[in-house]
Amino acid sequence: MFTTAEIGIDLGTANVLIYSKNKGVVFNEPSVVAIDTNTKNVLAVGHEAKRMVGKTPQHVVPVRPLREGVIADYDITAQMLKEMLKKVSKSMGLSVRKPNVVICTPSGSTSVERRAIHNAVKSYGAKNVHLIEEPVAAAIGADLPVSEPVANVILDIGGGTSEVAIISFGGVVSCRSIRTGGDKLDEEITHYVRKHYNVLIGEKTAEEIKMEIGYAQPDHEEESMEVRGRDMVSGLPKTITLSSTEVQSALRESLDHILETVRATLEDCPPELSGDIVDHGVVLTGGGALLKGMQEWLSKEIFVPVHLAPNPLESVAIGTGRSLKMIQKLQKAAK
């Protein structure tokens, strides 16, 4: 006799996380699929597929089917989810047939985009599919008292989108979503290196630079790292030395964009809840929250305390899993 598996899915632009009610986060791998263009078969998903990026023969294409928090390629996303759920059912020894699934969607997504996410999961054979807004899931995962009439402000900086939401009494009071996230920061670094050094670097290298010497605040102790890429003039491999000050100047515009979004959301806040924000501050989740100095820089710019969630990378997945218990209540609040 199988009990119905209950799982939460954080379908992120950069990573897909799957949360099981009994075992916590059981799957956390990049949202990348390697496709054989001749046969249209999926060759690899997750870590295995990410390792192939920029290193495959012509007929093997690593694809990221999610762009800016939404499904860019419906069929490939459905295939990717099937493969990932298969992996989970193998590793957990569970029958993940006909599970109850809670999956999060960016708060700015359209009804068409939500329907695509719903159908992709349903096509795997899920019994019930509930959609929950990403900021609400992030707030639940960050241990915030979302069902109480208190202002909880969450800033979730993901791979494709950054979302700011004020949540009170189980629902979203005010929310803004922009399509600027970790991927955009990587792109800015790639552009900077190409423009100033005439060197081409790949996605993976840009991400490494961001993680190693990326800083949010302009005044920090300077660090540097050696970066390898292809010289655009000679076409030969070249090594350059990049400083953290240069990286910060490359990221400045995108970070300011995120800051403006936080300010605009706080300005929309009902006066009754503004007092709570001064007391409780803003909670940071998502991979972008781990950029060095992010917490201090934001706190200085918006004059309220900024806290890092206990587990920024997994907050949304944990929240989707926990919301299984409270989904009916949340859906009533959302209506």
Protein backbone atom coordinates (compact mmCIF):
# COMPACT_ATOMS: atom_id res chain seq x y z
CA MET A 1 0.00 0.00 0.00
CA PHE A 2 1.58 3.27 -1.15
CA THR A 3 0.79 6.52 0.60
CA THR A 4 0.48 9.49 -1.69
CA ALA A 5 3.82 11.24 -1.84
CA GLU A 6 3.67 14.94 -1.09
CA ILE A 7 6.37 17.02 -2.71
CA GLY A 8 7.18 20.68 -3.16
CA ILE A 9 9.04 21.87 -6.25
CA ASP A 10 11.03 25.08 -6.62
CA LEU A 11 11.21 25.35 -10.40
CA GLY A 12 14.01 27.89 -10.58
CA THR A 13 15.80 29.41 -13.55
CA ALA A 14 19.17 28.29 -12.16
CA ASN A 15 18.28 25.25 -10.03
CA VAL A 16 15.38 22.89 -9.49
CA LEU A 17 14.86 21.83 -5.87
CA ILE A 18 12.50 19.10 -4.79
CA TYR A 19 11.30 18.87 -1.20
CA SER A 20 9.73 15.77 0.31
CA LYS A 21 7.49 16.05 3.34
CA ASN A 22 9.40 13.42 5.28
CA LYS A 23 12.98 13.92 4.11
CA GLY A 24 13.42 17.65 3.48
CA VAL A 25 15.23 18.78 0.30
CA VAL A 26 15.97 15.58 -1.62
CA PHE A 27 17.07 17.07 -4.92
CA ASN A 28 18.99 20.24 -5.77
CA GLU A 29 20.49 20.38 -9.24
CA PRO A 30 20.88 22.94 -12.05
CA SER A 31 17.91 23.48 -14.41
CA VAL A 32 19.85 22.25 -17.42
CA VAL A 33 19.00 19.47 -19.88
CA ALA A 34 21.30 17.98 -22.50
CA ILE A 35 19.35 17.12 -25.67
CA ASP A 36 20.46 15.05 -28.65
CA THR A 37 19.20 17.18 -31.56
CA ASN A 38 19.11 14.20 -33.93
CA THR A 39 16.85 11.98 -31.83
CA LYS A 40 15.34 14.68 -29.51
CA ASN A 41 16.20 12.41 -26.57
CA VAL A 42 17.22 13.72 -23.15
CA LEU A 43 20.80 12.60 -22.52
CA ALA A 44 21.36 14.16 -19.10
CA VAL A 45 19.77 16.53 -16.58
CA GLY A 46 21.07 18.54 -13.65
CA HIS A 47 24.76 18.51 -12.67
CA GLU A 48 25.64 16.11 -15.45
CA ALA A 49 24.11 18.39 -18.11
CA LYS A 50 25.63 21.55 -16.60
CA ARG A 51 29.11 20.07 -16.85
CA MET A 52 28.52 19.78 -20.60
CA VAL A 53 27.76 23.49 -21.15
CA GLY A 54 30.16 24.88 -23.76
CA LYS A 55 31.91 21.52 -24.16
CA THR A 56 29.64 19.37 -26.37
CA PRO A 57 29.71 18.12 -29.97
CA GLN A 58 27.29 19.84 -32.37
CA HIS A 59 24.40 17.41 -32.05
CA VAL A 60 24.35 17.56 -28.23
CA VAL A 61 22.86 20.81 -26.95
CA PRO A 62 22.66 21.73 -23.25
CA VAL A 63 19.44 23.73 -22.85
CA ARG A 64 18.11 25.84 -19.98
CA PRO A 65 14.35 25.55 -20.53
CA LEU A 66 13.53 28.21 -17.93
CA ARG A 67 14.35 31.80 -18.66
CA GLU A 68 13.74 34.70 -16.29
CA GLY A 69 11.64 32.57 -13.97
CA VAL A 70 9.23 31.30 -16.63
CA ILE A 71 9.06 28.32 -18.94
CA ALA A 72 10.71 29.17 -22.26
CA ASP A 73 10.39 25.67 -23.66
CA TYR A 74 7.37 23.75 -22.43
CA ASP A 75 8.20 20.27 -23.84
CA ILE A 76 11.77 20.26 -22.58
CA THR A 77 10.66 21.47 -19.12
CA ALA A 78 8.13 18.62 -18.92
CA GLN A 79 10.85 16.12 -19.93
CA MET A 80 13.31 17.62 -17.46
CA LEU A 81 10.80 17.37 -14.61
CA LYS A 82 10.01 13.76 -15.47
CA GLU A 83 13.71 12.82 -15.45
CA MET A 84 14.29 14.66 -12.17
CA LEU A 85 11.27 13.08 -10.47
CA LYS A 86 12.49 9.67 -11.70
CA LYS A 87 15.88 10.36 -10.07
CA VAL A 88 14.14 11.33 -6.83
CA SER A 89 11.93 8.26 -6.74
CA LYS A 90 15.02 6.06 -7.30
CA SER A 91 17.12 7.72 -4.61
CA MET A 92 14.29 7.83 -2.07
CA GLY A 93 13.01 4.37 -2.82
CA LEU A 94 9.59 5.97 -2.98
CA SER A 95 6.80 5.48 -5.40
CA VAL A 96 6.46 9.05 -6.59
CA ARG A 97 3.51 8.13 -8.76
CA LYS A 98 0.52 10.43 -8.55
CA PRO A 99 2.08 12.72 -5.94
CA ASN A 100 0.42 15.82 -4.52
CA VAL A 101 2.61 18.64 -5.73
CA VAL A 102 2.99 22.26 -4.66
CA ILE A 103 5.03 24.25 -7.16
CA CYS A 104 5.99 27.88 -6.99
CA THR A 105 5.54 30.50 -9.69
CA PRO A 106 7.04 34.00 -9.91
CA SER A 107 4.51 36.52 -8.64
CA GLY A 108 4.70 38.45 -11.90
CA SER A 109 3.91 35.45 -14.11
CA THR A 110 0.89 35.57 -16.40
CA SER A 111 -1.99 33.08 -16.34
CA VAL A 112 -0.58 31.51 -19.53
CA GLU A 113 2.80 30.97 -17.86
CA ARG A 114 1.12 29.52 -14.76
CA ARG A 115 -0.94 27.17 -16.90
CA ALA A 116 2.26 25.97 -18.63
CA ILE A 117 3.88 25.18 -15.26
CA HIS A 118 0.70 23.44 -14.06
CA ASN A 119 0.47 21.32 -17.24
CA ALA A 120 4.16 20.37 -17.20
CA VAL A 121 3.78 18.89 -13.70
CA LYS A 122 0.38 17.39 -14.43
CA SER A 123 1.77 15.60 -17.51
CA TYR A 124 4.12 13.71 -15.17
CA GLY A 125 1.05 12.19 -13.54
CA ALA A 126 0.67 14.34 -10.43
CA LYS A 127 -2.60 13.79 -8.60
CA ASN A 128 -3.11 17.40 -7.46
CA VAL A 129 -1.04 20.40 -8.45
CA HIS A 130 -1.18 23.56 -6.35
CA LEU A 131 0.58 26.74 -7.39
CA ILE A 132 1.97 29.08 -4.75
CA GLU A 133 3.59 32.47 -5.29
CA GLU A 134 7.36 32.36 -4.94
CA PRO A 135 7.71 35.17 -2.35
CA VAL A 136 5.10 33.48 -0.11
CA ALA A 137 6.99 30.17 -0.38
CA ALA A 138 10.29 31.95 0.36
CA ALA A 139 8.77 33.64 3.43
CA ILE A 140 7.41 30.32 4.78
CA GLY A 141 10.80 28.67 4.17
CA ALA A 142 12.57 31.53 5.96
CA ASP A 143 10.48 30.83 9.11
CA LEU A 144 8.48 34.07 8.90
CA PRO A 145 5.04 34.19 10.58
CA VAL A 146 3.18 34.63 7.25
CA SER A 147 -0.28 33.82 8.58
CA GLU A 148 -0.18 36.57 11.23
CA PRO A 149 -1.30 40.15 10.55
CA VAL A 150 2.30 41.42 10.64
CA ALA A 151 4.32 42.79 7.72
CA ASN A 152 6.89 40.28 6.49
CA VAL A 153 9.11 41.72 3.77
CA ILE A 154 10.98 39.24 1.60
CA LEU A 155 13.53 39.92 -1.14
CA ASP A 156 14.12 36.78 -3.17
CA ILE A 157 17.01 37.15 -5.64
CA GLY A 158 16.88 34.08 -7.87
CA GLY A 159 18.63 33.13 -11.10
CA GLY A 160 16.14 34.74 -13.45
CA THR A 161 14.06 37.10 -11.34
CA SER A 162 14.22 39.17 -8.19
CA GLU A 163 11.01 39.57 -6.25
CA VAL A 164 10.13 41.84 -3.39
CA ALA A 165 6.93 41.17 -1.49
CA ILE A 166 5.23 42.40 1.65
CA ILE A 167 3.24 39.50 3.07
CA SER A 168 0.69 39.75 5.83
CA PHE A 169 -2.09 37.43 6.97
CA GLY A 170 -1.12 34.69 4.48
CA GLY A 171 -1.41 36.90 1.40
CA VAL A 172 0.68 39.31 -0.65
CA VAL A 173 -0.06 42.96 0.25
CA SER A 174 2.35 44.53 -2.22
CA CYS A 175 4.73 42.89 -4.63
CA ARG A 176 7.09 43.67 -7.46
CA SER A 177 9.04 41.33 -9.68
CA ILE A 178 11.85 42.22 -12.07
CA ARG A 179 13.66 40.01 -14.51
CA THR A 180 17.06 40.78 -13.03
CA GLY A 181 18.73 38.01 -11.07
CA GLY A 182 21.91 35.96 -10.83
CA ASP A 183 21.97 35.27 -14.60
CA LYS A 184 21.84 38.98 -15.39
CA LEU A 185 24.78 39.59 -13.04
CA ASP A 186 26.76 36.87 -14.87
CA GLU A 187 25.92 38.53 -18.22
CA GLU A 188 27.12 41.92 -16.95
CA ILE A 189 30.48 40.37 -15.97
CA THR A 190 30.82 38.72 -19.41
CA HIS A 191 30.06 42.06 -21.15
CA TYR A 192 32.55 43.92 -18.96
CA VAL A 193 35.41 41.50 -19.67
CA ARG A 194 34.64 41.54 -23.41
CA LYS A 195 34.45 45.35 -23.56
CA HIS A 196 37.48 46.18 -21.43
CA TYR A 197 39.82 43.26 -22.16
CA ASN A 198 38.66 41.98 -25.56
CA VAL A 199 38.39 38.53 -23.99
CA LEU A 200 35.45 36.14 -24.31
CA ILE A 201 34.51 34.12 -21.22
CA GLY A 202 31.77 31.51 -20.78
CA GLU A 203 28.72 31.45 -18.48
CA LYS A 204 30.43 29.18 -15.99
CA THR A 205 33.52 31.41 -15.68
CA ALA A 206 31.35 34.51 -15.18
CA GLU A 207 29.48 32.73 -12.39
CA GLU A 208 32.77 31.73 -10.72
CA ILE A 209 33.99 35.37 -10.87
CA LYS A 210 30.73 36.57 -9.27
CA MET A 211 31.00 34.03 -6.45
CA GLU A 212 34.72 34.57 -5.82
CA ILE A 213 35.18 38.33 -6.07
CA GLY A 214 31.69 39.78 -6.59
CA TYR A 215 30.78 42.47 -4.03
CA ALA A 216 27.58 44.45 -3.57
CA GLN A 217 29.11 47.47 -1.83
CA PRO A 218 31.60 49.74 -3.64
CA ASP A 219 33.92 50.17 -0.63
CA HIS A 220 35.44 46.81 0.23
CA GLU A 221 38.88 45.29 0.57
CA GLU A 222 40.01 44.71 -2.99
CA GLU A 223 40.62 41.15 -4.17
CA SER A 224 41.66 39.86 -7.56
CA MET A 225 41.57 36.61 -9.50
CA GLU A 226 43.05 35.21 -12.69
CA VAL A 227 40.52 34.61 -15.44
CA ARG A 228 41.03 32.53 -18.57
CA GLY A 229 39.19 33.19 -21.80
CA ARG A 230 39.64 33.58 -25.53
CA ASP A 231 41.32 36.66 -26.95
CA MET A 232 38.93 38.17 -29.51
CA VAL A 233 41.77 39.60 -31.61
CA SER A 234 44.17 36.65 -31.86
CA GLY A 235 41.59 33.91 -31.15
CA LEU A 236 44.06 32.29 -28.73
CA PRO A 237 43.54 31.48 -25.03
CA LYS A 238 44.48 34.36 -22.73
CA THR A 239 44.74 34.89 -18.98
CA ILE A 240 43.81 38.25 -17.42
CA THR A 241 43.71 39.51 -13.82
CA LEU A 242 40.36 40.91 -12.74
CA SER A 243 39.85 42.96 -9.56
CA SER A 244 36.78 42.94 -7.32
CA THR A 245 36.38 46.73 -7.83
CA GLU A 246 35.96 46.14 -11.57
CA VAL A 247 33.43 43.38 -10.93
CA GLN A 248 31.48 45.65 -8.58
CA SER A 249 31.32 48.39 -11.21
CA ALA A 250 30.04 45.82 -13.74
CA LEU A 251 27.29 44.74 -11.33
CA ARG A 252 26.33 48.22 -10.11
CA GLU A 253 23.54 48.91 -12.59
CA SER A 254 21.72 45.61 -11.95
CA LEU A 255 22.09 45.96 -8.18
CA ASP A 256 20.65 49.49 -8.35
CA HIS A 257 17.72 48.08 -10.31
CA ILE A 258 17.04 45.59 -7.49
CA LEU A 259 17.37 48.38 -4.90
CA GLU A 260 14.86 50.58 -6.76
CA THR A 261 12.39 47.68 -6.77
CA VAL A 262 12.75 47.26 -2.99
CA ARG A 263 12.19 50.99 -2.47
CA ALA A 264 9.15 51.09 -4.75
CA THR A 265 7.57 48.11 -2.93
CA LEU A 266 8.17 49.66 0.49
CA GLU A 267 6.59 52.92 -0.75
CA ASP A 268 3.46 50.94 -1.67
CA CYS A 269 3.16 49.58 1.86
CA PRO A 270 0.04 50.53 3.87
CA PRO A 271 1.03 52.91 6.72
CA GLU A 272 -0.20 50.43 9.38
CA LEU A 273 2.38 47.89 8.25
CA SER A 274 5.27 50.36 7.86
CA GLY A 275 5.95 50.28 11.61
CA ASP A 276 6.41 46.48 11.47
CA ILE A 277 8.97 46.86 8.68
CA VAL A 278 11.07 49.24 10.77
CA ASP A 279 11.04 46.64 13.58
CA HIS A 280 11.39 43.42 11.60
CA GLY A 281 13.24 44.60 8.50
CA VAL A 282 13.69 42.74 5.24
CA VAL A 283 14.63 39.07 4.86
CA LEU A 284 16.93 38.05 2.00
CA THR A 285 16.55 34.69 0.24
CA GLY A 286 17.71 33.15 -3.04
CA GLY A 287 21.21 32.62 -4.42
CA GLY A 288 21.73 36.34 -5.02
CA ALA A 289 21.45 36.92 -1.27
CA LEU A 290 24.86 35.25 -0.94
CA LEU A 291 26.67 37.95 -2.95
CA LYS A 292 29.35 39.33 -0.62
CA GLY A 293 28.23 42.38 1.34
CA MET A 294 24.65 42.25 0.04
CA GLN A 295 23.12 42.43 3.51
CA GLU A 296 25.21 45.42 4.69
CA TRP A 297 24.80 47.33 1.42
CA LEU A 298 21.01 46.99 1.34
CA SER A 299 20.62 47.87 5.00
CA LYS A 300 22.63 51.07 4.47
CA GLU A 301 20.59 52.05 1.40
CA ILE A 302 17.05 51.47 2.75
CA PHE A 303 17.63 52.33 6.45
CA VAL A 304 15.90 49.23 7.83
CA PRO A 305 17.46 46.04 9.22
CA VAL A 306 18.23 43.36 6.60
CA HIS A 307 18.44 39.70 7.67
CA LEU A 308 19.67 36.65 5.78
CA ALA A 309 17.27 33.69 5.75
CA PRO A 310 18.59 30.59 7.63
CA ASN A 311 19.04 28.76 4.33
CA PRO A 312 18.75 31.27 1.44
CA LEU A 313 19.24 28.76 -1.39
CA GLU A 314 16.62 26.32 -0.15
CA SER A 315 14.05 28.72 1.36
CA VAL A 316 11.62 28.53 -1.56
CA ALA A 317 11.78 24.71 -1.76
CA ILE A 318 11.34 24.33 2.00
CA GLY A 319 8.44 26.79 1.86
CA THR A 320 6.68 24.90 -0.95
CA GLY A 321 7.00 21.71 1.07
CA ARG A 322 5.75 23.26 4.30
CA SER A 323 2.88 24.98 2.52
CA LEU A 324 1.34 21.56 1.76
CA LYS A 325 -0.13 21.72 5.26
CA MET A 326 -1.48 25.23 4.87
CA ILE A 327 -2.32 25.32 1.14
CA GLN A 328 -6.09 25.55 1.60
CA LYS A 329 -5.69 28.47 3.99
CA LEU A 330 -3.25 30.23 1.65
CA GLN A 331 -5.48 29.75 -1.37
CA LYS A 332 -8.42 31.24 0.52
CA ALA A 333 -6.28 34.26 1.43
CA ALA A 334 -5.21 34.63 -2.22
CA LYS A 335 -8.81 34.69 -3.50
